[in-house]
Protein backbone atom coordinates (compact mmCIF):
# COMPACT_ATOMS: atom_id res chain seq x y z
CA MET A 1 161.31 140.62 163.57
CA ILE A 2 157.93 139.07 162.72
CA SER A 3 157.40 138.25 159.09
CA ASN A 4 154.23 139.58 157.10
CA ALA A 5 153.03 136.07 156.72
CA THR A 6 153.32 135.19 160.54
CA SER A 7 151.58 138.49 161.54
CA LEU A 8 148.72 137.85 159.09
CA GLU A 9 148.45 134.17 160.60
CA SER A 10 147.79 135.65 163.91
CA THR A 11 144.91 138.03 162.69
CA PRO A 12 141.44 135.88 162.44
CA GLY A 13 140.05 135.76 158.90
CA ALA A 14 143.29 137.10 157.28
CA VAL A 15 144.58 135.48 153.81
CA PRO A 16 148.35 134.98 153.71
CA ILE A 17 150.00 136.77 150.90
CA VAL A 18 152.91 135.20 149.48
CA ALA A 19 155.40 137.33 148.11
CA PRO A 20 156.26 136.77 144.17
CA VAL A 21 159.08 134.23 143.56
CA GLN A 22 161.59 134.03 140.76
CA GLY A 23 159.92 132.78 137.74
CA SER A 24 156.46 133.83 138.31
CA SER A 25 156.09 135.24 134.57
CA ARG A 26 156.12 131.32 133.63
CA VAL A 27 152.92 130.96 136.12
CA ASP A 28 151.44 134.03 134.34
CA ASN A 29 151.97 132.78 130.97
CA ARG A 30 150.51 129.23 131.93
CA VAL A 31 147.49 131.12 133.45
CA SER A 32 147.04 132.82 130.10
CA GLU A 33 147.34 129.57 128.37
CA LEU A 34 144.72 127.76 130.51
CA GLU A 35 142.25 130.89 129.93
CA ASN A 36 142.86 130.61 126.36
CA GLU A 37 142.11 126.80 126.50
CA VAL A 38 138.93 127.18 128.70
CA ASN A 39 137.70 129.69 126.37
CA CYS A 40 138.36 127.37 123.35
CA LEU A 41 136.74 124.58 124.84
CA ALA A 42 133.54 126.87 125.87
CA PHE A 43 133.61 127.98 122.24
CA ALA A 44 133.67 124.17 121.11
CA MET A 45 130.97 123.36 123.68
CA SER A 46 128.77 125.95 122.33
CA GLN A 47 129.32 124.95 118.67
CA ARG A 48 128.37 121.24 119.62
CA PHE A 49 125.47 122.42 121.53
CA GLU A 50 124.13 124.19 118.53
CA GLU A 51 124.96 121.03 116.46
CA LEU A 52 123.03 118.84 118.91
CA SER A 53 120.07 121.34 119.11
CA LEU A 54 120.14 121.50 115.43
CA ILE A 55 120.16 117.53 115.12
CA HIS A 56 117.39 117.19 117.85
CA ASP A 57 115.11 119.63 116.17
CA LEU A 58 115.81 117.82 112.72
CA THR A 59 114.91 114.35 114.14
CA ASP A 60 111.61 115.66 115.70
CA ARG A 61 110.46 116.79 112.51
CA LEU A 62 111.64 113.90 110.24
CA ASN A 63 108.86 111.65 109.32
CA LEU A 64 108.03 109.43 106.33
CA GLU A 65 105.30 111.68 105.33
CA ALA A 66 106.89 115.16 106.25
CA ASP A 67 107.10 117.44 103.39
CA LEU A 68 110.70 117.30 102.14
CA ALA A 69 110.80 120.89 100.69
CA ALA A 70 109.71 122.17 103.95
CA ILE A 71 112.19 120.34 105.96
CA CYS A 72 115.06 121.59 103.58
CA ASP A 73 113.66 125.15 103.95
CA SER A 74 113.79 125.01 107.55
CA LEU A 75 117.04 123.37 108.00
CA LEU A 76 118.66 126.03 105.79
CA ASP A 77 117.23 128.66 107.74
CA GLN A 78 118.81 127.23 110.94
CA LEU A 79 122.10 126.64 109.59
CA SER A 80 122.27 130.07 108.04
CA GLY A 81 122.20 131.41 111.86
CA CYS A 82 124.95 128.70 112.90
CA ILE A 83 127.23 128.99 110.14
CA GLY A 84 126.96 132.53 109.05
CA ALA A 85 127.26 131.98 105.35
CA GLU A 86 126.26 134.38 102.53
CA THR A 87 124.62 131.30 100.55
CA ILE A 88 123.85 127.80 101.91
CA ALA A 89 122.11 125.12 99.40
CA ILE A 90 120.92 121.71 99.51
CA ASP A 91 121.10 120.33 96.07
CA LEU A 92 119.32 117.03 95.73
CA PHE A 93 119.89 114.85 92.68
CA GLY A 94 116.85 113.23 90.57
CA ASP A 95 116.48 109.40 90.01
CA GLU A 96 114.75 108.81 86.47
CA ASP A 97 113.93 105.07 87.47
CA ALA A 98 111.83 106.16 90.29
CA ALA A 99 110.67 109.43 88.42
CA ILE A 100 112.37 111.77 90.96
CA GLU A 101 112.93 115.26 89.85
CA PRO A 102 116.27 117.05 90.82
CA LYS A 103 115.59 119.91 93.37
CA LEU A 104 117.42 123.06 94.59
CA PHE A 105 116.98 124.75 97.86
CA HIS A 106 118.85 127.72 99.19
CA THR A 107 118.89 130.74 101.41
CA GLY A 108 120.79 133.78 101.35
CA ARG A 109 122.27 135.16 98.05
CA PRO A 110 120.54 133.53 94.80
CA PHE A 111 122.50 132.15 92.23
CA GLU A 112 122.41 130.02 88.95
CA ARG A 113 122.33 126.48 88.44
CA ASP A 114 125.86 126.66 86.64
CA TRP A 115 127.32 128.43 89.45
CA ILE A 116 126.65 125.87 91.99
CA ASP A 117 127.68 123.16 89.48
CA GLY A 118 131.17 125.01 88.98
CA ILE A 119 131.44 125.05 92.87
CA THR A 120 130.98 121.31 93.24
CA GLU A 121 133.67 120.58 90.67
CA THR A 122 136.02 121.23 93.57
CA TYR A 123 135.10 117.92 95.12
CA GLU A 124 135.10 115.48 92.47
CA THR A 125 137.64 113.42 94.29
CA GLY A 126 134.60 111.99 96.44
CA ALA A 127 135.53 113.48 99.76
CA THR A 128 132.54 113.48 101.99
CA VAL A 129 133.50 117.17 103.19
CA THR A 130 135.59 119.65 101.31
CA ILE A 131 136.68 122.82 102.56
CA ALA A 132 138.22 125.32 99.89
CA ASN A 133 138.90 128.76 101.52
CA ASP A 134 140.51 130.14 98.17
CA TRP A 135 138.10 128.63 95.50
CA LYS A 136 138.31 130.51 92.28
CA GLY A 137 135.25 131.02 90.84
CA ARG A 138 134.17 131.32 87.19
CA ALA A 139 133.90 134.97 87.44
CA GLY A 140 137.53 134.96 88.36
CA HIS A 141 137.20 136.15 92.11
CA SER A 142 137.96 133.97 95.05
CA ILE A 143 135.32 132.42 97.53
CA ARG A 144 135.10 130.28 100.65
CA VAL A 145 133.21 127.15 100.01
CA VAL A 146 132.27 124.09 102.00
CA VAL A 147 130.85 121.15 100.11
CA VAL A 148 129.37 118.20 101.79
CA ARG A 149 127.97 115.09 100.07
CA ILE A 150 124.67 113.72 101.11
CA ASP A 151 124.86 110.04 101.13
CA HIS A 152 123.13 106.84 101.83
CA ARG A 153 123.47 103.24 101.12
CA GLN A 154 122.12 103.85 97.58
CA GLY A 155 124.69 106.30 96.98
CA GLU A 156 125.12 109.90 96.57
CA LEU A 157 121.68 111.60 97.02
CA GLY A 158 122.86 115.30 96.65
CA ARG A 159 125.08 117.81 98.14
CA MET A 160 124.97 120.73 100.98
CA ILE A 161 127.20 123.92 99.81
CA ALA A 162 127.98 126.89 101.99
CA VAL A 163 129.73 129.98 100.62
CA ARG A 164 131.62 132.99 102.24
CA SER A 165 133.11 135.84 100.38
CA ASP A 166 137.03 135.70 100.47
CA ASP A 167 137.21 138.78 103.08
CA ALA A 168 134.97 136.78 105.69
CA VAL A 169 136.26 134.43 108.06
CA GLU A 170 137.73 131.24 106.76
CA PHE A 171 135.54 128.14 106.92
CA GLY A 172 136.79 125.40 109.29
CA THR A 173 136.09 122.09 110.72
CA ILE A 174 133.32 123.33 113.10
CA GLU A 175 131.15 124.07 110.02
CA GLY A 176 132.16 121.03 108.11
CA ASP A 177 131.28 118.84 110.95
CA LEU A 178 127.88 120.70 111.56
CA MET A 179 127.05 120.45 107.88
CA LYS A 180 128.24 116.64 107.79
CA SER A 181 125.78 115.74 110.82
CA THR A 182 123.01 117.41 109.43
CA SER A 183 123.48 115.96 105.96
CA MET A 184 123.80 112.33 107.12
CA MET A 185 120.31 113.03 108.99
CA LEU A 186 119.05 114.41 105.90
CA GLY A 187 120.30 111.66 103.62
CA MET A 188 118.84 109.01 105.75
CA HIS A 189 115.45 110.76 105.89
CA ILE A 190 115.54 111.06 102.01
CA ALA A 191 116.38 107.58 101.39
CA ASN A 192 113.77 106.16 104.03
CA GLN A 193 111.15 108.45 102.48
CA ARG A 194 111.90 107.37 99.03
CA GLN A 195 111.61 103.75 100.08
CA TYR A 196 108.38 104.53 101.90
CA ALA A 197 107.10 105.98 98.65
CA GLU A 198 108.16 102.75 96.76
CA MET A 199 106.14 100.53 99.41
CA GLN A 200 103.22 102.91 99.00
CA GLN A 201 103.25 102.25 95.46
CA MET A 202 103.51 98.61 95.93
CA PHE A 203 100.74 98.80 98.27
CA GLU A 204 98.40 100.47 96.01
CA GLY A 205 99.39 98.11 93.18
CA THR A 206 98.38 95.40 95.39
CA ILE A 207 94.98 96.88 95.97
CA GLN A 208 94.42 97.58 92.18
CA SER A 209 95.09 94.15 91.59
CA LEU A 210 92.77 92.75 93.92
CA VAL A 211 90.06 95.25 92.43
CA SER A 212 90.95 94.21 88.90
CA ALA A 213 90.60 90.71 89.94
CA LEU A 214 87.14 91.37 91.21
CA ASP A 215 85.90 93.43 88.15
CA ALA A 216 86.82 90.53 86.09
CA LYS A 217 84.54 88.15 87.55
CA ASP A 218 81.65 90.25 87.64
CA ALA A 219 80.80 93.15 85.11
CA TYR A 220 78.24 94.66 87.62
CA THR A 221 81.04 95.02 90.20
CA CYS A 222 83.29 97.05 87.53
CA GLY A 223 83.07 100.53 88.78
CA HIS A 224 80.91 100.06 91.75
CA SER A 225 83.70 99.89 94.36
CA THR A 226 85.04 103.02 93.15
CA ARG A 227 81.58 104.69 93.04
CA VAL A 228 80.83 103.48 96.65
CA SER A 229 84.41 104.68 97.88
CA GLU A 230 83.81 108.14 96.52
CA LEU A 231 80.16 108.60 97.67
CA ALA A 232 81.25 107.18 101.08
CA VAL A 233 83.82 109.82 101.07
CA GLU A 234 81.26 112.48 100.16
CA LEU A 235 78.95 111.65 102.93
CA ALA A 236 81.75 111.33 105.70
CA THR A 237 83.14 114.67 104.87
CA ARG A 238 79.56 115.87 105.38
CA LEU A 239 79.48 114.19 108.61
CA GLY A 240 82.68 115.83 110.06
CA TYR A 241 85.36 113.24 109.15
CA ASP A 242 88.89 114.44 109.34
CA ALA A 243 91.58 113.62 106.54
CA ASP A 244 92.81 110.51 108.29
CA ARG A 245 89.25 108.87 108.70
CA VAL A 246 88.18 110.09 105.01
CA ALA A 247 91.37 108.14 103.73
CA THR A 248 90.48 105.03 105.74
CA ILE A 249 86.65 104.89 104.26
CA ARG A 250 87.88 105.81 100.94
CA MET A 251 90.02 102.60 101.19
CA GLY A 252 87.12 100.76 102.71
CA GLY A 253 84.90 101.77 99.78
CA ILE A 254 87.09 100.27 97.26
CA LEU A 255 87.78 96.93 99.12
CA HIS A 256 84.26 96.66 100.60
CA ASP A 257 83.16 94.01 98.24
CA ILE A 258 86.65 92.18 97.70
CA GLY A 259 85.18 89.13 99.36
CA LYS A 260 83.23 88.38 96.04
CA ILE A 261 86.28 86.89 94.67
CA GLY A 262 85.33 83.80 96.74
CA VAL A 263 81.82 83.59 95.41
CA ASP A 264 81.28 81.33 92.61
CA ASP A 265 81.21 82.97 89.20
CA SER A 266 77.95 81.43 88.25
CA VAL A 267 76.15 82.97 91.21
CA LEU A 268 77.80 86.35 90.69
CA ARG A 269 77.06 86.31 86.70
CA LYS A 270 73.45 84.58 87.11
CA PRO A 271 71.00 86.91 84.88
CA GLY A 272 67.79 86.06 87.01
CA ARG A 273 66.99 86.41 90.51
CA LEU A 274 69.03 84.33 93.23
CA THR A 275 67.73 81.23 94.84
CA ASP A 276 67.76 81.22 98.62
CA GLU A 277 70.81 78.99 98.62
CA GLU A 278 72.51 81.18 96.17
CA PHE A 279 71.92 84.34 98.14
CA GLU A 280 73.46 82.56 100.95
CA GLN A 281 76.67 82.55 99.24
CA ILE A 282 76.42 85.96 98.30
CA LYS A 283 76.04 86.82 101.98
CA GLN A 284 79.22 85.26 102.84
CA HIS A 285 81.29 87.98 100.74
CA PRO A 286 81.63 90.37 103.81
CA VAL A 287 83.18 87.63 105.92
CA LEU A 288 85.36 86.48 103.11
CA GLY A 289 86.52 89.88 102.58
CA TYR A 290 87.40 90.28 106.22
CA GLU A 291 89.49 87.08 106.16
CA ILE A 292 91.15 88.09 102.90
CA LEU A 293 92.22 91.50 104.42
CA ARG A 294 92.53 90.95 108.21
CA GLY A 295 96.26 89.31 107.98
CA ILE A 296 97.47 92.65 106.30
CA ARG A 297 98.29 95.13 108.78
CA GLN A 298 97.77 98.25 106.35
CA PHE A 299 94.22 96.92 105.96
CA ARG A 300 93.45 96.86 109.73
CA ASP A 301 91.45 100.19 110.07
CA ILE A 302 88.92 99.04 107.07
CA LEU A 303 88.10 95.68 108.26
CA PRO A 304 84.86 96.88 110.15
CA ALA A 305 83.50 98.32 107.15
CA VAL A 306 84.28 95.66 104.92
CA ARG A 307 82.60 93.18 107.36
CA HIS A 308 79.81 94.93 108.54
CA HIS A 309 78.52 97.29 105.34
CA HIS A 310 75.50 94.69 105.24
CA GLU A 311 74.20 95.30 108.46
CA SER A 312 71.02 96.85 109.20
CA TRP A 313 70.07 99.45 111.82
CA ASP A 314 67.30 97.26 113.10
CA GLY A 315 69.43 94.22 113.40
CA SER A 316 68.11 92.45 110.46
CA GLY A 317 71.21 92.58 108.32
CA TYR A 318 74.15 90.23 107.99
CA PRO A 319 76.74 88.72 108.73
CA ASP A 320 76.47 89.31 112.61
CA GLY A 321 73.18 90.93 112.98
CA LEU A 322 74.54 93.95 114.73
CA ALA A 323 72.13 96.64 115.25
CA GLY A 324 72.06 100.42 115.93
CA ASP A 325 75.23 102.08 117.40
CA MET A 326 76.98 98.51 117.52
CA ILE A 327 77.26 98.66 113.79
CA PRO A 328 80.86 100.44 113.31
CA ARG A 329 80.47 104.10 112.11
CA ASP A 330 82.23 103.56 108.94
CA ALA A 331 80.15 100.50 108.00
CA GLN A 332 76.90 102.62 108.62
CA ILE A 333 78.20 105.09 106.06
CA MET A 334 79.22 102.32 103.61
CA ALA A 335 75.85 100.85 103.79
CA VAL A 336 74.09 103.87 102.55
CA ALA A 337 76.64 104.42 99.62
CA ASP A 338 76.59 100.72 98.91
CA ALA A 339 72.80 100.86 98.70
CA PHE A 340 72.41 104.04 96.71
CA ASP A 341 74.75 102.65 93.81
CA ALA A 342 73.14 99.18 93.93
CA MET A 343 69.66 100.80 93.38
CA THR A 344 70.74 103.09 90.84
CA SER A 345 72.83 100.71 88.88
CA ASP A 346 71.35 98.31 86.06
CA ARG A 347 71.51 94.50 86.82
CA PRO A 348 70.66 91.62 84.16
CA TYR A 349 67.21 91.27 85.85
CA ARG A 350 66.23 94.82 86.31
CA SER A 351 67.08 98.46 85.24
CA GLY A 352 68.59 101.16 87.72
CA LEU A 353 65.58 102.86 89.75
CA ALA A 354 64.48 106.34 89.14
CA LEU A 355 66.31 108.84 91.63
CA ASP A 356 62.77 109.84 93.37
CA LYS A 357 61.98 106.08 93.86
CA VAL A 358 65.53 105.87 95.47
CA VAL A 359 64.89 108.84 97.47
CA GLY A 360 61.47 107.28 98.81
CA ILE A 361 63.09 104.19 99.71
CA PHE A 362 65.58 105.87 101.81
CA GLU A 363 63.07 107.94 103.43
CA SER A 364 61.10 104.91 104.61
CA GLY A 365 64.22 102.83 105.61
CA ARG A 366 65.84 105.98 107.86
CA GLY A 367 66.23 104.89 111.18
CA SER A 368 65.26 101.36 110.41
CA GLN A 369 67.69 99.84 107.78
CA TRP A 370 70.14 102.73 107.76
CA ALA A 371 71.38 105.31 110.34
CA ALA A 372 69.18 108.23 110.13
CA ASP A 373 71.95 110.97 110.15
CA VAL A 374 73.83 109.18 107.31
CA VAL A 375 70.56 109.11 105.18
CA ASP A 376 69.83 112.67 106.09
CA ALA A 377 73.37 113.63 104.74
CA LEU A 378 72.84 111.77 101.61
CA LEU A 379 69.15 113.35 100.85
CA ALA A 380 70.61 116.95 101.97
CA ALA A 381 72.61 116.57 98.82
CA PRO A 382 70.71 116.14 95.81
CA GLU A 383 73.31 117.35 93.38
CA VAL A 384 75.46 114.64 94.73
CA MET A 385 72.65 112.25 94.21
CA GLU A 386 72.02 113.24 90.72
CA ARG A 387 75.81 112.88 89.83
CA TYR A 388 76.16 109.45 91.21
CA ALA A 389 72.88 108.16 89.81
CA ARG A 390 74.22 109.12 86.42
CA LYS A 391 77.28 107.33 87.18
CA GLU A 392 79.42 110.32 86.60
């Protein structure tokens, strides 16, 4: 008698069928266990994928000038889709020394400040992640809570909270890990952003110190740099500058005369007209300003305006005798703003010129001393000229 297995082996393409053997139930149990393990692994991988996707998206949006409120709101929206909580909140602490106000962002069910303060009493032990699936609220009913500290080297910056009702699925390590990962990224960003703000304040303080030093040398210069800066911004805006270029020309205007710090006080303050030798000293101030600022990376973009704001369209200006479009665009605008304020300002040896006379000078110098389109932008705004002529 030929066995079933043997007969099948003689049939081309047939697959042997082995009869069940004793203990096959153990095999079935093992198969079931493997299926469960695979399912658990697949679920864990899907959760990790969500976590990585969220972190990747968060990383793309984190830059030092990004709006923190917008980042927190977006992060909460994404977390709510991953975690499925009734409420998710980001509670950021204030800093009195840095004049930073506390901020609270949340999505889902609204709540009062004392409610969230009551929740966070559960993690006063200082744990980074606290999961409490039977936390008794102040109203007496139970809720499920995850509280994650938002930390950085400076200390605790805030906390992230997720809440579910007591009849929902319990929170576990998956939710805790996801919130911890995002809170670490957020904490790093907040710390970097605050440090960046401090550096910006220091930078602006340095600029103000330079301008104050110049104002102390020359009474005429006091207010001149600010007015030139603001008028240059008016002209640049009318000529189609975007926000970044406007910011650059604003800074250039504030510091365009900083080189006068290196000019003798007796020359700057001379009540009468300057001799040729004294005027040669004055003509060095664009180069001196360039040399003072060129070693500071943040001033790199304003150097052309600082060095070339006394160049003339016909090439007769200083310090480099540039002509036409060889003159940097910011310097073309700065030259018009600077000349306008100089002509309308009182000097020890003359009063400021009447506005109609200033307009005539610009009309005659259009395309020879100054860029024609920049002069046109000025003359097309009589209300702007009136305001700046009155030193408002």
